[in-house]
Amino acid sequence: MTKPPSDDTLTHSGLEAHHGGRILLIACGALAHEILTLKRLNGWDHMDLTCLPAKLHLYPDKITEAVAEAVENNRAAYDHIFVVYADCGTGGQLAAKCADLGVEMIAGPHCYSFFEGNDAFAARGDDDMRAFFLTDFLVRQFDAFVWKPMGLDRHPELRDMIFGNYTTLIYQAQTEDPALLSKARACADRLGLAFEYRFTGYGDLKTSLENQASKY
């Protein structure tokens, strides 16, 4: 079974795989735990996983190039490649590149949408316009992916300026974990935001991978 990747390296499994119904998932490292769990629970042994560093979300202009490189490096070894990135701030560039490369990608503007379900997320519309979202991964990595990159560890006085237009922190939980729930509440307190808990499970990530798994 593929081991979860670190945030600093491009890790992958199954590079020695040959044609015979093999599927490669090229995913954001922030989704590694969830994808590996779904693979294990569903017995998707014909799927391999390549994860790009989760920190690319801090530099969305670099995502498209990194995904394209991963596709080209692995294309010959697999029957099918599925990109487990939503648009993720690329302004449509990732979708255009995937179309050029002839590979599919998960639908949605970002992981907050597909975890909740793209239709359900869209239906909420303006209700969530002033919400800041965290997933299981971002709760675990709050300091590394939110607090420090925004400079709040060095300049906590910036908090109200950065988050002044937000009213609520919404924790979209993939798992029912009391420790993560407690930490998410603490994150909301640190940001000075009201707290809302939504158990989403895996949402459209699960259904999208089910669809891919059934193809081969």
N, C-alpha and C. Protein backbone atom coordinates (compact mmCIF):
# COMPACT_ATOMS: atom_id res chain seq x y z
N MET A 1 0.85 -1.20 0.00
CA MET A 1 0.00 0.00 0.00
C MET A 1 0.88 1.24 0.00
N THR A 2 0.47 2.24 -0.74
CA THR A 2 1.23 3.48 -0.82
C THR A 2 1.30 4.15 0.53
N LYS A 3 2.47 4.64 0.89
CA LYS A 3 2.61 5.36 2.13
C LYS A 3 2.29 6.82 1.91
N PRO A 4 1.72 7.50 2.94
CA PRO A 4 1.41 8.92 2.79
C PRO A 4 2.68 9.70 2.50
N PRO A 5 2.63 10.67 1.57
CA PRO A 5 3.81 11.43 1.22
C PRO A 5 4.09 12.53 2.22
N SER A 6 5.33 12.99 2.26
CA SER A 6 5.65 14.19 3.01
C SER A 6 5.22 15.39 2.18
N ASP A 7 5.24 16.58 2.81
CA ASP A 7 4.86 17.79 2.09
C ASP A 7 6.00 18.32 1.25
N ASP A 8 7.20 17.80 1.42
CA ASP A 8 8.36 18.39 0.77
C ASP A 8 8.90 17.58 -0.40
N THR A 9 8.31 16.41 -0.63
CA THR A 9 8.83 15.58 -1.70
C THR A 9 7.71 15.06 -2.56
N LEU A 10 8.05 14.76 -3.81
CA LEU A 10 7.11 14.10 -4.73
C LEU A 10 7.29 12.62 -4.54
N THR A 11 6.29 11.96 -3.96
CA THR A 11 6.39 10.53 -3.71
C THR A 11 5.35 9.82 -4.52
N HIS A 12 5.63 8.59 -4.89
CA HIS A 12 4.69 7.86 -5.71
C HIS A 12 4.94 6.38 -5.57
N SER A 13 3.96 5.60 -6.00
CA SER A 13 4.08 4.16 -5.97
C SER A 13 3.74 3.61 -7.34
N GLY A 14 4.18 2.41 -7.59
CA GLY A 14 3.75 1.73 -8.79
C GLY A 14 4.38 2.22 -10.06
N LEU A 15 5.55 2.86 -10.01
CA LEU A 15 6.17 3.34 -11.24
C LEU A 15 6.61 2.18 -12.13
N GLU A 16 6.75 0.99 -11.54
CA GLU A 16 7.13 -0.17 -12.32
C GLU A 16 5.92 -0.86 -12.93
N ALA A 17 4.71 -0.30 -12.71
CA ALA A 17 3.50 -0.94 -13.19
C ALA A 17 3.48 -0.98 -14.72
N HIS A 18 2.80 -1.99 -15.27
CA HIS A 18 2.67 -2.14 -16.71
C HIS A 18 1.19 -2.10 -17.07
N HIS A 19 0.92 -2.00 -18.34
CA HIS A 19 -0.46 -1.98 -18.79
C HIS A 19 -1.19 -3.24 -18.32
N GLY A 20 -2.44 -3.07 -18.00
CA GLY A 20 -3.24 -4.17 -17.49
C GLY A 20 -4.29 -3.65 -16.54
N GLY A 21 -4.87 -2.50 -16.89
CA GLY A 21 -5.93 -1.94 -16.07
C GLY A 21 -5.44 -1.11 -14.92
N ARG A 22 -4.23 -0.56 -15.01
CA ARG A 22 -3.70 0.26 -13.93
C ARG A 22 -4.14 1.72 -14.08
N ILE A 23 -4.51 2.31 -12.95
CA ILE A 23 -4.93 3.71 -12.90
C ILE A 23 -3.96 4.46 -12.00
N LEU A 24 -3.51 5.61 -12.45
CA LEU A 24 -2.68 6.47 -11.63
C LEU A 24 -3.49 7.68 -11.18
N LEU A 25 -3.48 7.95 -9.90
CA LEU A 25 -4.08 9.15 -9.35
C LEU A 25 -2.97 10.15 -9.06
N ILE A 26 -3.04 11.31 -9.68
CA ILE A 26 -2.10 12.39 -9.39
C ILE A 26 -2.84 13.39 -8.52
N ALA A 27 -2.40 13.52 -7.28
CA ALA A 27 -3.21 14.25 -6.30
C ALA A 27 -2.38 15.25 -5.51
N CYS A 28 -3.08 16.19 -4.92
CA CYS A 28 -2.50 17.09 -3.94
C CYS A 28 -2.15 16.29 -2.68
N GLY A 29 -0.99 16.58 -2.12
CA GLY A 29 -0.58 15.90 -0.90
C GLY A 29 -1.55 16.08 0.25
N ALA A 30 -2.36 17.15 0.22
CA ALA A 30 -3.34 17.37 1.27
C ALA A 30 -4.47 16.34 1.25
N LEU A 31 -4.56 15.58 0.15
CA LEU A 31 -5.62 14.58 0.01
C LEU A 31 -5.10 13.16 0.20
N ALA A 32 -3.81 13.01 0.47
CA ALA A 32 -3.20 11.68 0.52
C ALA A 32 -3.89 10.76 1.52
N HIS A 33 -4.11 11.24 2.73
CA HIS A 33 -4.70 10.40 3.77
C HIS A 33 -6.08 9.92 3.36
N GLU A 34 -6.88 10.81 2.81
CA GLU A 34 -8.24 10.46 2.42
C GLU A 34 -8.25 9.47 1.25
N ILE A 35 -7.39 9.70 0.26
CA ILE A 35 -7.35 8.80 -0.89
C ILE A 35 -6.86 7.42 -0.48
N LEU A 36 -5.83 7.36 0.34
CA LEU A 36 -5.33 6.06 0.79
C LEU A 36 -6.37 5.31 1.62
N THR A 37 -7.13 6.05 2.40
CA THR A 37 -8.21 5.41 3.18
C THR A 37 -9.27 4.83 2.26
N LEU A 38 -9.68 5.60 1.25
CA LEU A 38 -10.68 5.11 0.30
C LEU A 38 -10.16 3.92 -0.50
N LYS A 39 -8.90 3.95 -0.89
CA LYS A 39 -8.30 2.81 -1.59
C LYS A 39 -8.36 1.56 -0.73
N ARG A 40 -7.98 1.71 0.52
CA ARG A 40 -7.96 0.55 1.42
C ARG A 40 -9.36 0.01 1.69
N LEU A 41 -10.29 0.89 1.98
CA LEU A 41 -11.64 0.46 2.33
C LEU A 41 -12.37 -0.20 1.16
N ASN A 42 -12.02 0.23 -0.07
CA ASN A 42 -12.72 -0.27 -1.25
C ASN A 42 -11.94 -1.30 -2.04
N GLY A 43 -10.72 -1.62 -1.59
CA GLY A 43 -9.94 -2.63 -2.28
C GLY A 43 -9.52 -2.22 -3.68
N TRP A 44 -9.25 -0.93 -3.87
CA TRP A 44 -8.86 -0.44 -5.18
C TRP A 44 -7.36 -0.66 -5.40
N ASP A 45 -6.98 -1.92 -5.49
CA ASP A 45 -5.57 -2.25 -5.62
C ASP A 45 -5.01 -1.95 -7.00
N HIS A 46 -5.88 -1.70 -7.96
CA HIS A 46 -5.42 -1.36 -9.31
C HIS A 46 -5.16 0.14 -9.46
N MET A 47 -5.31 0.88 -8.37
CA MET A 47 -5.03 2.30 -8.37
C MET A 47 -3.71 2.57 -7.65
N ASP A 48 -2.86 3.38 -8.24
CA ASP A 48 -1.65 3.86 -7.59
C ASP A 48 -1.78 5.36 -7.37
N LEU A 49 -0.97 5.86 -6.46
CA LEU A 49 -1.10 7.26 -6.06
C LEU A 49 0.24 7.98 -6.15
N THR A 50 0.22 9.12 -6.83
CA THR A 50 1.35 10.05 -6.85
C THR A 50 0.87 11.35 -6.24
N CYS A 51 1.58 11.84 -5.24
CA CYS A 51 1.17 13.09 -4.60
C CYS A 51 2.20 14.18 -4.82
N LEU A 52 1.73 15.33 -5.22
CA LEU A 52 2.55 16.53 -5.29
C LEU A 52 2.51 17.23 -3.94
N PRO A 53 3.53 18.01 -3.60
CA PRO A 53 3.58 18.63 -2.28
C PRO A 53 2.35 19.49 -1.99
N ALA A 54 1.78 19.31 -0.81
CA ALA A 54 0.61 20.09 -0.42
C ALA A 54 0.91 21.58 -0.39
N LYS A 55 2.16 21.94 -0.16
CA LYS A 55 2.51 23.36 -0.08
C LYS A 55 2.35 24.09 -1.41
N LEU A 56 2.13 23.35 -2.52
CA LEU A 56 1.86 24.02 -3.79
C LEU A 56 0.62 24.89 -3.72
N HIS A 57 -0.27 24.61 -2.76
CA HIS A 57 -1.46 25.45 -2.62
C HIS A 57 -1.10 26.87 -2.22
N LEU A 58 0.09 27.05 -1.69
CA LEU A 58 0.54 28.40 -1.37
C LEU A 58 1.02 29.13 -2.63
N TYR A 59 1.24 28.37 -3.71
CA TYR A 59 1.73 28.93 -4.97
C TYR A 59 0.92 28.33 -6.12
N PRO A 60 -0.36 28.67 -6.24
CA PRO A 60 -1.23 28.02 -7.23
C PRO A 60 -0.77 28.18 -8.67
N ASP A 61 0.05 29.19 -8.93
CA ASP A 61 0.55 29.37 -10.30
C ASP A 61 1.52 28.26 -10.70
N LYS A 62 1.98 27.48 -9.73
CA LYS A 62 2.91 26.39 -10.01
C LYS A 62 2.23 25.03 -10.15
N ILE A 63 0.94 24.96 -9.83
CA ILE A 63 0.24 23.67 -9.81
C ILE A 63 0.14 23.07 -11.21
N THR A 64 -0.25 23.87 -12.18
CA THR A 64 -0.49 23.35 -13.53
C THR A 64 0.78 22.70 -14.10
N GLU A 65 1.90 23.39 -13.98
CA GLU A 65 3.16 22.86 -14.51
C GLU A 65 3.55 21.57 -13.79
N ALA A 66 3.37 21.53 -12.47
CA ALA A 66 3.74 20.34 -11.71
C ALA A 66 2.89 19.15 -12.08
N VAL A 67 1.58 19.37 -12.26
CA VAL A 67 0.69 18.29 -12.66
C VAL A 67 1.05 17.79 -14.06
N ALA A 68 1.29 18.71 -14.98
CA ALA A 68 1.64 18.33 -16.35
C ALA A 68 2.91 17.49 -16.37
N GLU A 69 3.89 17.87 -15.58
CA GLU A 69 5.14 17.11 -15.51
C GLU A 69 4.90 15.70 -14.98
N ALA A 70 4.06 15.60 -13.94
CA ALA A 70 3.75 14.28 -13.38
C ALA A 70 3.02 13.40 -14.39
N VAL A 71 2.11 14.00 -15.16
CA VAL A 71 1.40 13.24 -16.20
C VAL A 71 2.39 12.70 -17.22
N GLU A 72 3.25 13.54 -17.73
CA GLU A 72 4.19 13.13 -18.76
C GLU A 72 5.18 12.08 -18.25
N ASN A 73 5.60 12.21 -17.00
CA ASN A 73 6.56 11.27 -16.43
C ASN A 73 5.97 9.89 -16.21
N ASN A 74 4.65 9.79 -16.11
CA ASN A 74 4.01 8.52 -15.74
C ASN A 74 3.08 7.95 -16.80
N ARG A 75 2.85 8.70 -17.86
CA ARG A 75 1.84 8.31 -18.85
C ARG A 75 2.09 6.92 -19.42
N ALA A 76 3.33 6.58 -19.73
CA ALA A 76 3.63 5.32 -20.42
C ALA A 76 3.36 4.09 -19.55
N ALA A 77 3.31 4.27 -18.25
CA ALA A 77 3.19 3.13 -17.35
C ALA A 77 1.75 2.79 -16.98
N TYR A 78 0.78 3.60 -17.41
CA TYR A 78 -0.60 3.42 -16.94
C TYR A 78 -1.60 3.45 -18.09
N ASP A 79 -2.70 2.74 -17.87
CA ASP A 79 -3.80 2.75 -18.81
C ASP A 79 -4.63 4.02 -18.70
N HIS A 80 -4.64 4.61 -17.51
CA HIS A 80 -5.52 5.75 -17.27
C HIS A 80 -4.91 6.60 -16.17
N ILE A 81 -5.00 7.92 -16.33
CA ILE A 81 -4.54 8.86 -15.31
C ILE A 81 -5.70 9.77 -14.93
N PHE A 82 -5.87 9.95 -13.63
CA PHE A 82 -6.91 10.84 -13.12
C PHE A 82 -6.26 11.85 -12.19
N VAL A 83 -6.52 13.13 -12.43
CA VAL A 83 -5.93 14.21 -11.66
C VAL A 83 -6.87 14.58 -10.51
N VAL A 84 -6.40 14.40 -9.29
CA VAL A 84 -7.24 14.69 -8.12
C VAL A 84 -6.85 16.07 -7.57
N TYR A 85 -7.03 17.04 -8.42
CA TYR A 85 -6.97 18.47 -8.10
C TYR A 85 -8.23 19.09 -8.66
N ALA A 86 -8.83 19.99 -7.90
CA ALA A 86 -9.87 20.85 -8.47
C ALA A 86 -9.14 22.03 -9.13
N ASP A 87 -9.85 23.11 -9.43
CA ASP A 87 -9.18 24.26 -10.05
C ASP A 87 -8.11 24.82 -9.13
N CYS A 88 -8.41 24.91 -7.84
CA CYS A 88 -7.41 25.25 -6.82
C CYS A 88 -6.67 26.55 -7.09
N GLY A 89 -7.39 27.54 -7.60
CA GLY A 89 -6.79 28.86 -7.79
C GLY A 89 -5.98 29.02 -9.05
N THR A 90 -6.08 28.07 -9.99
CA THR A 90 -5.31 28.17 -11.23
C THR A 90 -6.04 28.97 -12.30
N GLY A 91 -7.25 29.42 -12.01
CA GLY A 91 -7.98 30.25 -12.97
C GLY A 91 -8.32 29.54 -14.26
N GLY A 92 -8.58 28.24 -14.19
CA GLY A 92 -8.94 27.46 -15.36
C GLY A 92 -7.75 26.90 -16.12
N GLN A 93 -6.54 27.28 -15.73
CA GLN A 93 -5.36 26.81 -16.45
C GLN A 93 -5.15 25.31 -16.29
N LEU A 94 -5.42 24.78 -15.10
CA LEU A 94 -5.24 23.34 -14.89
C LEU A 94 -6.21 22.54 -15.74
N ALA A 95 -7.46 22.97 -15.80
CA ALA A 95 -8.45 22.27 -16.63
C ALA A 95 -8.05 22.30 -18.10
N ALA A 96 -7.56 23.44 -18.56
CA ALA A 96 -7.14 23.55 -19.95
C ALA A 96 -5.96 22.64 -20.25
N LYS A 97 -5.01 22.58 -19.33
CA LYS A 97 -3.85 21.72 -19.53
C LYS A 97 -4.24 20.24 -19.50
N CYS A 98 -5.13 19.87 -18.58
CA CYS A 98 -5.59 18.48 -18.54
C CYS A 98 -6.29 18.09 -19.84
N ALA A 99 -7.09 19.01 -20.37
CA ALA A 99 -7.76 18.75 -21.66
C ALA A 99 -6.72 18.56 -22.76
N ASP A 100 -5.68 19.38 -22.77
CA ASP A 100 -4.62 19.25 -23.77
C ASP A 100 -3.90 17.91 -23.64
N LEU A 101 -3.72 17.47 -22.40
CA LEU A 101 -3.00 16.23 -22.14
C LEU A 101 -3.88 15.00 -22.30
N GLY A 102 -5.19 15.21 -22.40
CA GLY A 102 -6.12 14.10 -22.54
C GLY A 102 -6.33 13.31 -21.27
N VAL A 103 -6.28 14.00 -20.13
CA VAL A 103 -6.53 13.33 -18.85
C VAL A 103 -7.70 14.00 -18.15
N GLU A 104 -8.40 13.24 -17.35
CA GLU A 104 -9.53 13.75 -16.59
C GLU A 104 -9.07 14.34 -15.26
N MET A 105 -9.89 15.23 -14.70
CA MET A 105 -9.62 15.76 -13.37
C MET A 105 -10.92 15.86 -12.60
N ILE A 106 -10.82 15.89 -11.29
CA ILE A 106 -12.01 15.97 -10.44
C ILE A 106 -12.68 17.33 -10.64
N ALA A 107 -13.98 17.35 -10.59
CA ALA A 107 -14.74 18.58 -10.81
C ALA A 107 -14.80 19.42 -9.54
N GLY A 108 -14.86 20.72 -9.73
CA GLY A 108 -15.06 21.62 -8.61
C GLY A 108 -14.04 22.73 -8.57
N PRO A 109 -14.35 23.82 -7.88
CA PRO A 109 -13.41 24.94 -7.77
C PRO A 109 -12.28 24.68 -6.78
N HIS A 110 -12.54 23.85 -5.76
CA HIS A 110 -11.55 23.58 -4.72
C HIS A 110 -12.03 22.39 -3.90
N CYS A 111 -11.17 21.92 -2.99
CA CYS A 111 -11.52 20.72 -2.22
C CYS A 111 -12.66 20.97 -1.25
N TYR A 112 -12.85 22.20 -0.78
CA TYR A 112 -13.96 22.48 0.12
C TYR A 112 -15.28 22.20 -0.58
N SER A 113 -15.31 22.47 -1.88
CA SER A 113 -16.53 22.23 -2.66
C SER A 113 -16.75 20.74 -2.86
N PHE A 114 -15.73 20.00 -3.32
CA PHE A 114 -16.01 18.60 -3.60
C PHE A 114 -16.13 17.76 -2.34
N PHE A 115 -15.53 18.19 -1.22
CA PHE A 115 -15.77 17.45 0.02
C PHE A 115 -17.23 17.60 0.46
N GLU A 116 -17.77 18.78 0.33
CA GLU A 116 -19.17 18.98 0.71
C GLU A 116 -20.11 18.41 -0.33
N GLY A 117 -19.62 18.27 -1.54
CA GLY A 117 -20.44 17.91 -2.69
C GLY A 117 -20.63 19.17 -3.50
N ASN A 118 -20.18 19.17 -4.75
CA ASN A 118 -20.19 20.40 -5.53
C ASN A 118 -21.57 21.03 -5.65
N ASP A 119 -22.59 20.21 -5.82
CA ASP A 119 -23.95 20.75 -5.94
C ASP A 119 -24.39 21.40 -4.63
N ALA A 120 -24.13 20.71 -3.51
CA ALA A 120 -24.52 21.24 -2.21
C ALA A 120 -23.75 22.52 -1.89
N PHE A 121 -22.47 22.53 -2.22
CA PHE A 121 -21.66 23.72 -1.95
C PHE A 121 -22.16 24.91 -2.76
N ALA A 122 -22.45 24.67 -4.02
CA ALA A 122 -22.94 25.75 -4.89
C ALA A 122 -24.30 26.25 -4.41
N ALA A 123 -25.12 25.34 -3.89
CA ALA A 123 -26.46 25.73 -3.44
C ALA A 123 -26.41 26.67 -2.24
N ARG A 124 -25.36 26.59 -1.46
CA ARG A 124 -25.24 27.48 -0.30
C ARG A 124 -24.97 28.92 -0.72
N GLY A 125 -24.35 29.08 -1.87
CA GLY A 125 -24.15 30.40 -2.45
C GLY A 125 -23.58 31.42 -1.49
N ASP A 126 -24.27 32.53 -1.34
CA ASP A 126 -23.78 33.65 -0.54
C ASP A 126 -23.73 33.33 0.95
N ASP A 127 -24.40 32.28 1.39
CA ASP A 127 -24.41 31.96 2.82
C ASP A 127 -23.01 31.73 3.37
N ASP A 128 -22.12 31.22 2.52
CA ASP A 128 -20.77 30.89 2.98
C ASP A 128 -19.72 31.88 2.47
N MET A 129 -20.15 33.01 1.95
CA MET A 129 -19.21 33.94 1.36
C MET A 129 -18.21 34.49 2.37
N ARG A 130 -18.58 34.56 3.63
CA ARG A 130 -17.69 35.12 4.64
C ARG A 130 -17.17 34.05 5.59
N ALA A 131 -17.07 32.84 5.06
CA ALA A 131 -16.57 31.71 5.86
C ALA A 131 -15.17 31.33 5.45
N PHE A 132 -14.38 30.94 6.43
CA PHE A 132 -13.04 30.41 6.21
C PHE A 132 -13.11 28.92 6.50
N PHE A 133 -12.62 28.10 5.57
CA PHE A 133 -12.81 26.65 5.66
C PHE A 133 -11.54 25.93 6.08
N LEU A 134 -11.73 24.90 6.87
CA LEU A 134 -10.67 23.96 7.20
C LEU A 134 -11.16 22.54 6.95
N THR A 135 -10.27 21.70 6.47
CA THR A 135 -10.52 20.26 6.34
C THR A 135 -9.73 19.54 7.42
N ASP A 136 -9.85 18.22 7.49
CA ASP A 136 -9.04 17.47 8.46
C ASP A 136 -7.56 17.80 8.30
N PHE A 137 -7.09 17.79 7.06
CA PHE A 137 -5.68 18.07 6.82
C PHE A 137 -5.29 19.44 7.34
N LEU A 138 -6.09 20.46 7.04
CA LEU A 138 -5.74 21.82 7.44
C LEU A 138 -5.86 22.03 8.94
N VAL A 139 -6.73 21.29 9.59
CA VAL A 139 -6.76 21.36 11.06
C VAL A 139 -5.45 20.80 11.62
N ARG A 140 -5.05 19.64 11.09
CA ARG A 140 -3.79 19.04 11.57
C ARG A 140 -2.60 19.95 11.29
N GLN A 141 -2.61 20.62 10.15
CA GLN A 141 -1.47 21.41 9.70
C GLN A 141 -1.74 22.92 9.76
N PHE A 142 -2.55 23.33 10.71
CA PHE A 142 -2.99 24.72 10.77
C PHE A 142 -1.81 25.69 10.86
N ASP A 143 -0.87 25.41 11.73
CA ASP A 143 0.26 26.32 11.88
C ASP A 143 1.09 26.39 10.60
N ALA A 144 1.33 25.23 9.98
CA ALA A 144 2.21 25.17 8.81
C ALA A 144 1.57 25.77 7.56
N PHE A 145 0.22 25.66 7.44
CA PHE A 145 -0.43 26.08 6.20
C PHE A 145 -1.29 27.34 6.34
N VAL A 146 -1.53 27.78 7.57
CA VAL A 146 -2.33 29.00 7.76
C VAL A 146 -1.56 30.02 8.59
N TRP A 147 -1.27 29.67 9.82
CA TRP A 147 -0.74 30.64 10.78
C TRP A 147 0.62 31.21 10.36
N LYS A 148 1.55 30.32 10.03
CA LYS A 148 2.90 30.79 9.67
C LYS A 148 2.98 31.42 8.29
N PRO A 149 2.37 30.83 7.24
CA PRO A 149 2.46 31.47 5.92
C PRO A 149 1.85 32.88 5.88
N MET A 150 0.87 33.12 6.74
CA MET A 150 0.26 34.44 6.78
C MET A 150 1.00 35.40 7.70
N GLY A 151 2.08 34.90 8.31
CA GLY A 151 2.90 35.74 9.16
C GLY A 151 2.35 36.00 10.54
N LEU A 152 1.31 35.26 10.92
CA LEU A 152 0.67 35.51 12.21
C LEU A 152 1.50 35.04 13.38
N ASP A 153 2.46 34.15 13.13
CA ASP A 153 3.36 33.73 14.20
C ASP A 153 4.32 34.86 14.57
N ARG A 154 4.61 35.73 13.60
CA ARG A 154 5.52 36.85 13.84
C ARG A 154 4.79 38.16 14.11
N HIS A 155 3.62 38.28 13.49
CA HIS A 155 2.86 39.53 13.63
C HIS A 155 1.39 39.21 13.90
N PRO A 156 1.07 38.76 15.10
CA PRO A 156 -0.32 38.39 15.41
C PRO A 156 -1.29 39.55 15.27
N GLU A 157 -0.77 40.77 15.29
CA GLU A 157 -1.64 41.94 15.15
C GLU A 157 -2.26 42.02 13.75
N LEU A 158 -1.73 41.23 12.80
CA LEU A 158 -2.29 41.21 11.45
C LEU A 158 -3.59 40.41 11.35
N ARG A 159 -3.91 39.68 12.41
CA ARG A 159 -5.07 38.78 12.35
C ARG A 159 -6.34 39.51 11.94
N ASP A 160 -6.64 40.62 12.60
CA ASP A 160 -7.90 41.31 12.31
C ASP A 160 -7.91 41.90 10.90
N MET A 161 -6.75 42.29 10.41
CA MET A 161 -6.69 42.83 9.05
C MET A 161 -6.93 41.71 8.03
N ILE A 162 -6.30 40.55 8.24
CA ILE A 162 -6.41 39.45 7.29
C ILE A 162 -7.79 38.81 7.33
N PHE A 163 -8.31 38.64 8.53
CA PHE A 163 -9.57 37.90 8.69
C PHE A 163 -10.75 38.79 9.05
N GLY A 164 -10.58 40.10 8.89
CA GLY A 164 -11.63 41.02 9.28
C GLY A 164 -12.92 40.87 8.50
N ASN A 165 -12.84 40.35 7.28
CA ASN A 165 -14.05 40.17 6.46
C ASN A 165 -14.70 38.80 6.64
N TYR A 166 -14.07 37.95 7.44
CA TYR A 166 -14.66 36.64 7.72
C TYR A 166 -15.47 36.72 9.00
N THR A 167 -16.50 35.90 9.07
CA THR A 167 -17.30 35.84 10.29
C THR A 167 -17.24 34.46 10.95
N THR A 168 -16.99 33.42 10.16
CA THR A 168 -17.11 32.04 10.65
C THR A 168 -16.00 31.16 10.12
N LEU A 169 -15.51 30.28 10.96
CA LEU A 169 -14.64 29.20 10.52
C LEU A 169 -15.49 27.94 10.41
N ILE A 170 -15.54 27.37 9.22
CA ILE A 170 -16.31 26.15 9.00
C ILE A 170 -15.35 24.98 8.90
N TYR A 171 -15.49 24.03 9.80
CA TYR A 171 -14.66 22.84 9.78
C TYR A 171 -15.42 21.74 9.05
N GLN A 172 -14.94 21.40 7.85
CA GLN A 172 -15.51 20.31 7.07
C GLN A 172 -14.76 19.03 7.46
N ALA A 173 -15.37 18.22 8.27
CA ALA A 173 -14.70 17.04 8.80
C ALA A 173 -14.88 15.84 7.89
N GLN A 174 -13.78 15.20 7.53
CA GLN A 174 -13.85 13.96 6.78
C GLN A 174 -14.02 12.76 7.69
N THR A 175 -13.56 12.91 8.92
CA THR A 175 -13.68 11.83 9.91
C THR A 175 -14.28 12.40 11.20
N GLU A 176 -14.86 11.52 11.98
CA GLU A 176 -15.43 11.94 13.27
C GLU A 176 -14.37 11.72 14.35
N ASP A 177 -13.58 12.75 14.56
CA ASP A 177 -12.42 12.67 15.45
C ASP A 177 -12.54 13.77 16.50
N PRO A 178 -12.82 13.42 17.76
CA PRO A 178 -12.98 14.44 18.80
C PRO A 178 -11.75 15.32 18.98
N ALA A 179 -10.56 14.75 18.78
CA ALA A 179 -9.35 15.55 18.95
C ALA A 179 -9.25 16.62 17.86
N LEU A 180 -9.58 16.25 16.63
CA LEU A 180 -9.56 17.23 15.55
C LEU A 180 -10.64 18.28 15.74
N LEU A 181 -11.80 17.86 16.21
CA LEU A 181 -12.88 18.81 16.47
C LEU A 181 -12.45 19.84 17.50
N SER A 182 -11.81 19.38 18.56
CA SER A 182 -11.33 20.29 19.60
C SER A 182 -10.29 21.25 19.04
N LYS A 183 -9.39 20.73 18.21
CA LYS A 183 -8.36 21.58 17.63
C LYS A 183 -8.96 22.60 16.67
N ALA A 184 -9.98 22.18 15.91
CA ALA A 184 -10.64 23.10 14.98
C ALA A 184 -11.30 24.25 15.74
N ARG A 185 -11.92 23.94 16.86
CA ARG A 185 -12.51 25.01 17.69
C ARG A 185 -11.44 25.98 18.16
N ALA A 186 -10.30 25.44 18.53
CA ALA A 186 -9.20 26.29 18.98
C ALA A 186 -8.69 27.16 17.84
N CYS A 187 -8.68 26.63 16.63
CA CYS A 187 -8.28 27.42 15.47
C CYS A 187 -9.22 28.59 15.26
N ALA A 188 -10.51 28.34 15.41
CA ALA A 188 -11.50 29.43 15.28
C ALA A 188 -11.26 30.50 16.33
N ASP A 189 -10.98 30.07 17.54
CA ASP A 189 -10.71 31.03 18.61
C ASP A 189 -9.47 31.87 18.29
N ARG A 190 -8.45 31.22 17.77
CA ARG A 190 -7.21 31.95 17.44
C ARG A 190 -7.45 32.99 16.36
N LEU A 191 -8.37 32.70 15.46
CA LEU A 191 -8.66 33.64 14.37
C LEU A 191 -9.76 34.63 14.73
N GLY A 192 -10.37 34.46 15.89
CA GLY A 192 -11.43 35.36 16.31
C GLY A 192 -12.71 35.19 15.53
N LEU A 193 -12.99 33.94 15.12
CA LEU A 193 -14.16 33.66 14.29
C LEU A 193 -15.14 32.74 15.02
N ALA A 194 -16.41 32.87 14.67
CA ALA A 194 -17.40 31.90 15.14
C ALA A 194 -17.07 30.53 14.54
N PHE A 195 -17.58 29.49 15.15
CA PHE A 195 -17.22 28.14 14.71
C PHE A 195 -18.44 27.36 14.24
N GLU A 196 -18.28 26.66 13.10
CA GLU A 196 -19.34 25.78 12.61
C GLU A 196 -18.72 24.45 12.20
N TYR A 197 -19.35 23.38 12.62
CA TYR A 197 -18.87 22.03 12.30
C TYR A 197 -19.79 21.38 11.28
N ARG A 198 -19.18 20.86 10.20
CA ARG A 198 -19.95 20.11 9.20
C ARG A 198 -19.23 18.79 8.94
N PHE A 199 -19.90 17.71 9.21
CA PHE A 199 -19.33 16.41 8.85
C PHE A 199 -19.69 16.14 7.39
N THR A 200 -18.69 16.19 6.52
CA THR A 200 -18.93 15.99 5.10
C THR A 200 -18.57 14.59 4.65
N GLY A 201 -17.74 13.89 5.43
CA GLY A 201 -17.18 12.65 4.91
C GLY A 201 -16.30 12.98 3.71
N TYR A 202 -16.30 12.10 2.70
CA TYR A 202 -15.42 12.28 1.56
C TYR A 202 -16.13 12.92 0.35
N GLY A 203 -17.43 13.11 0.45
CA GLY A 203 -18.17 13.84 -0.57
C GLY A 203 -17.93 13.34 -1.98
N ASP A 204 -17.74 14.29 -2.89
CA ASP A 204 -17.55 13.95 -4.30
C ASP A 204 -16.18 13.34 -4.57
N LEU A 205 -15.26 13.43 -3.62
CA LEU A 205 -13.99 12.72 -3.79
C LEU A 205 -14.26 11.22 -3.87
N LYS A 206 -15.09 10.72 -2.99
CA LYS A 206 -15.42 9.29 -2.97
C LYS A 206 -16.13 8.87 -4.25
N THR A 207 -17.15 9.62 -4.65
CA THR A 207 -17.91 9.22 -5.83
C THR A 207 -17.06 9.33 -7.11
N SER A 208 -16.18 10.33 -7.16
CA SER A 208 -15.32 10.47 -8.33
C SER A 208 -14.34 9.31 -8.44
N LEU A 209 -13.76 8.90 -7.31
CA LEU A 209 -12.83 7.78 -7.35
C LEU A 209 -13.55 6.47 -7.61
N GLU A 210 -14.77 6.33 -7.11
CA GLU A 210 -15.57 5.14 -7.43
C GLU A 210 -15.79 5.04 -8.93
N ASN A 211 -16.09 6.17 -9.55
CA ASN A 211 -16.32 6.18 -10.99
C ASN A 211 -15.05 5.79 -11.75
N GLN A 212 -13.91 6.32 -11.32
CA GLN A 212 -12.65 5.98 -11.97
C GLN A 212 -12.29 4.51 -11.77
N ALA A 213 -12.51 4.02 -10.56
CA ALA A 213 -12.14 2.64 -10.24
C ALA A 213 -12.94 1.64 -11.08
N SER A 214 -14.17 2.02 -11.44
CA SER A 214 -15.03 1.10 -12.18
C SER A 214 -14.67 1.01 -13.65
N LYS A 215 -13.81 1.89 -14.13
CA LYS A 215 -13.47 1.92 -15.55
C LYS A 215 -12.50 0.81 -15.96
N TYR A 216 -11.73 0.28 -14.99
CA TYR A 216 -10.73 -0.71 -15.33
C TYR A 216 -10.75 -1.85 -14.32
